[in-house]
Protein backbone atom coordinates (compact mmCIF):
# COMPACT_ATOMS: atom_id res chain seq x y z
CA MET A 1 0.00 0.00 0.00
CA ALA A 2 2.80 2.43 0.85
CA ARG A 3 4.21 2.12 -2.68
CA SER A 4 0.87 2.50 -4.44
CA LEU A 5 -0.71 5.70 -5.72
CA PHE A 6 -4.25 4.42 -5.21
CA CYS A 7 -5.71 1.90 -2.77
CA LEU A 8 -9.09 0.31 -3.38
CA CYS A 9 -11.41 0.64 -0.40
CA PRO A 10 -14.63 -1.26 -1.09
CA LEU A 11 -17.34 -1.42 1.54
CA GLY A 12 -16.21 -3.58 4.45
CA TRP A 13 -18.00 -5.28 7.31
CA ALA A 14 -18.60 -2.00 9.15
CA PRO A 15 -19.93 1.45 8.19
CA TRP A 16 -16.41 2.06 6.90
CA SER A 17 -13.43 -0.20 6.42
CA PRO A 18 -10.06 -0.27 8.21
CA ARG A 19 -8.57 -0.27 4.69
CA LEU A 20 -9.60 3.35 4.46
CA VAL A 21 -7.57 4.36 7.52
CA GLU A 22 -4.59 2.25 6.50
CA SER A 23 -4.44 3.82 3.06
CA VAL A 24 -4.56 7.37 4.45
CA LEU A 25 -1.84 6.63 7.01
CA LEU A 26 0.36 5.14 4.29
CA GLY A 27 -0.17 8.06 1.90
CA CYS A 28 -2.09 6.01 -0.64
CA VAL A 29 -5.13 7.77 -2.12
CA PRO A 30 -8.20 5.82 -0.98
CA VAL A 31 -10.52 4.91 -3.83
CA ILE A 32 -13.80 4.42 -2.02
CA ILE A 33 -16.13 2.05 -3.82
CA ALA A 34 -19.11 1.93 -1.52
CA ASP A 35 -22.42 3.59 -2.22
CA ASP A 36 -24.06 4.99 0.91
CA ILE A 37 -20.87 4.71 3.00
CA ARG A 38 -20.69 6.81 6.18
CA LEU A 39 -17.18 8.21 6.31
CA PRO A 40 -15.72 8.89 9.76
CA PHE A 41 -15.29 12.33 11.31
CA PRO A 42 -16.62 14.53 8.49
CA SER A 43 -16.33 17.60 10.73
CA VAL A 44 -12.53 17.38 10.60
CA LEU A 45 -11.89 15.28 7.49
CA ARG A 46 -12.93 16.67 4.11
CA TRP A 47 -12.97 13.29 2.39
CA GLN A 48 -13.33 14.86 -1.06
CA ASP A 49 -9.86 16.41 -0.51
CA ILE A 50 -8.09 13.17 0.48
CA SER A 51 -9.87 10.43 -1.43
CA LEU A 52 -11.83 9.46 -4.51
CA GLN A 53 -15.35 8.15 -4.36
CA VAL A 54 -16.46 5.97 -7.23
CA ALA A 55 -20.02 4.73 -7.49
CA GLU A 56 -20.34 0.96 -7.51
CA LYS A 57 -22.02 1.13 -10.93
CA ASP A 58 -18.96 3.00 -12.33
CA VAL A 59 -16.31 0.43 -11.38
CA ALA A 60 -16.00 -0.64 -15.02
CA SER A 61 -14.61 2.82 -15.86
CA LEU A 62 -12.24 2.94 -12.88
CA GLU A 63 -9.10 3.04 -15.03
CA THR A 64 -10.36 6.12 -16.86
CA VAL A 65 -11.24 7.83 -13.59
CA LEU A 66 -7.80 7.14 -12.10
CA ASP A 67 -6.02 8.29 -15.27
CA HIS A 68 -7.97 11.55 -15.09
CA VAL A 69 -6.96 12.09 -11.44
CA VAL A 70 -3.30 11.42 -12.25
CA ALA A 71 -3.47 14.00 -15.03
CA THR A 72 -5.28 16.66 -13.00
CA ASN A 73 -5.12 16.70 -9.21
CA LEU A 74 -3.20 13.72 -7.82
CA SER A 75 -0.47 15.87 -6.26
CA ALA A 76 -3.04 18.03 -4.42
CA ILE A 77 -4.77 14.95 -2.99
CA GLN A 78 -1.44 13.44 -1.95
CA LYS A 79 -0.41 16.68 -0.25
CA ASN A 80 -3.69 16.72 1.70
CA LEU A 81 -3.11 13.11 2.78
CA TRP A 82 0.06 14.11 4.64
CA ASP A 83 -1.67 16.81 6.71
CA PRO A 84 -0.86 15.85 10.33
CA VAL A 85 -4.31 16.93 11.59
CA LYS A 86 -6.07 14.59 9.16
CA ARG A 87 -3.75 11.70 9.94
CA LYS A 88 -4.07 12.18 13.70
CA ALA A 89 -7.87 12.15 13.47
CA LEU A 90 -7.74 8.54 12.27
CA VAL A 91 -5.34 7.14 14.89
CA PHE A 92 -6.40 5.78 18.28
CA ASN A 93 -3.73 6.77 20.80
CA ARG A 94 -3.21 5.57 24.32
CA PRO A 95 -3.53 7.73 26.28
CA LEU A 96 -6.06 9.81 24.37
CA GLN A 97 -4.68 12.89 22.61
CA GLU A 98 -6.69 15.92 21.61
CA GLY A 99 -7.67 15.54 17.96
CA ASP A 100 -7.05 11.78 17.73
CA ALA A 101 -9.70 9.22 16.76
CA THR A 102 -10.83 8.58 20.35
CA TRP A 103 -11.20 12.32 20.87
CA GLN A 104 -13.19 12.57 17.61
CA VAL A 105 -15.54 9.77 18.70
CA LEU A 106 -16.13 11.41 22.09
CA ARG A 107 -16.75 14.76 20.42
CA GLU A 108 -19.34 13.24 18.07
CA LEU A 109 -21.03 11.41 20.98
CA GLU A 110 -21.16 14.66 22.94
CA ALA A 111 -22.84 16.39 19.99
CA LEU A 112 -25.41 13.58 19.74
CA LEU A 113 -26.10 13.79 23.47
CA ASP A 114 -26.51 17.57 23.26
CA ARG A 115 -29.02 17.20 20.40
CA SER A 116 -30.88 14.49 22.28
CA GLN A 117 -31.12 16.60 25.42
CA ARG A 118 -32.24 19.68 23.46
CA SER A 119 -34.99 17.72 21.72
CA ARG A 120 -36.14 16.20 25.02
CA VAL A 121 -36.29 19.64 26.67
CA GLY A 122 -38.11 21.07 23.63
CA SER A 123 -40.71 18.28 23.64
CA SER A 124 -41.32 18.56 27.40
CA ARG A 125 -42.21 22.24 27.07
CA ARG A 126 -45.17 21.44 24.83
């Protein structure tokens, strides 16, 4: 993976695949082939800047798509892949570090809890 320009990341057994994280950490542009995938931590990771998403129905034209990326914006995507903030957001550290994957999960859970509490308070006022 570390020597490849592109790494295929089809839908895995979870909402997103560990292959996705591995490819980013190794500097290989993830080629996400998974319709309706939920990509992790969208508030910190602009996936369109660090990956390619190819619809499952378009896999037959994958070579053409990759050739186009090589000719147009591969270097920009690769540069974005090496951003330390993006890389850190995908790594689980022990102990937890601000901005790492554990921190991102806790932040998203906190936001869900806040929304849940706000909706409960709003519905009890009626």
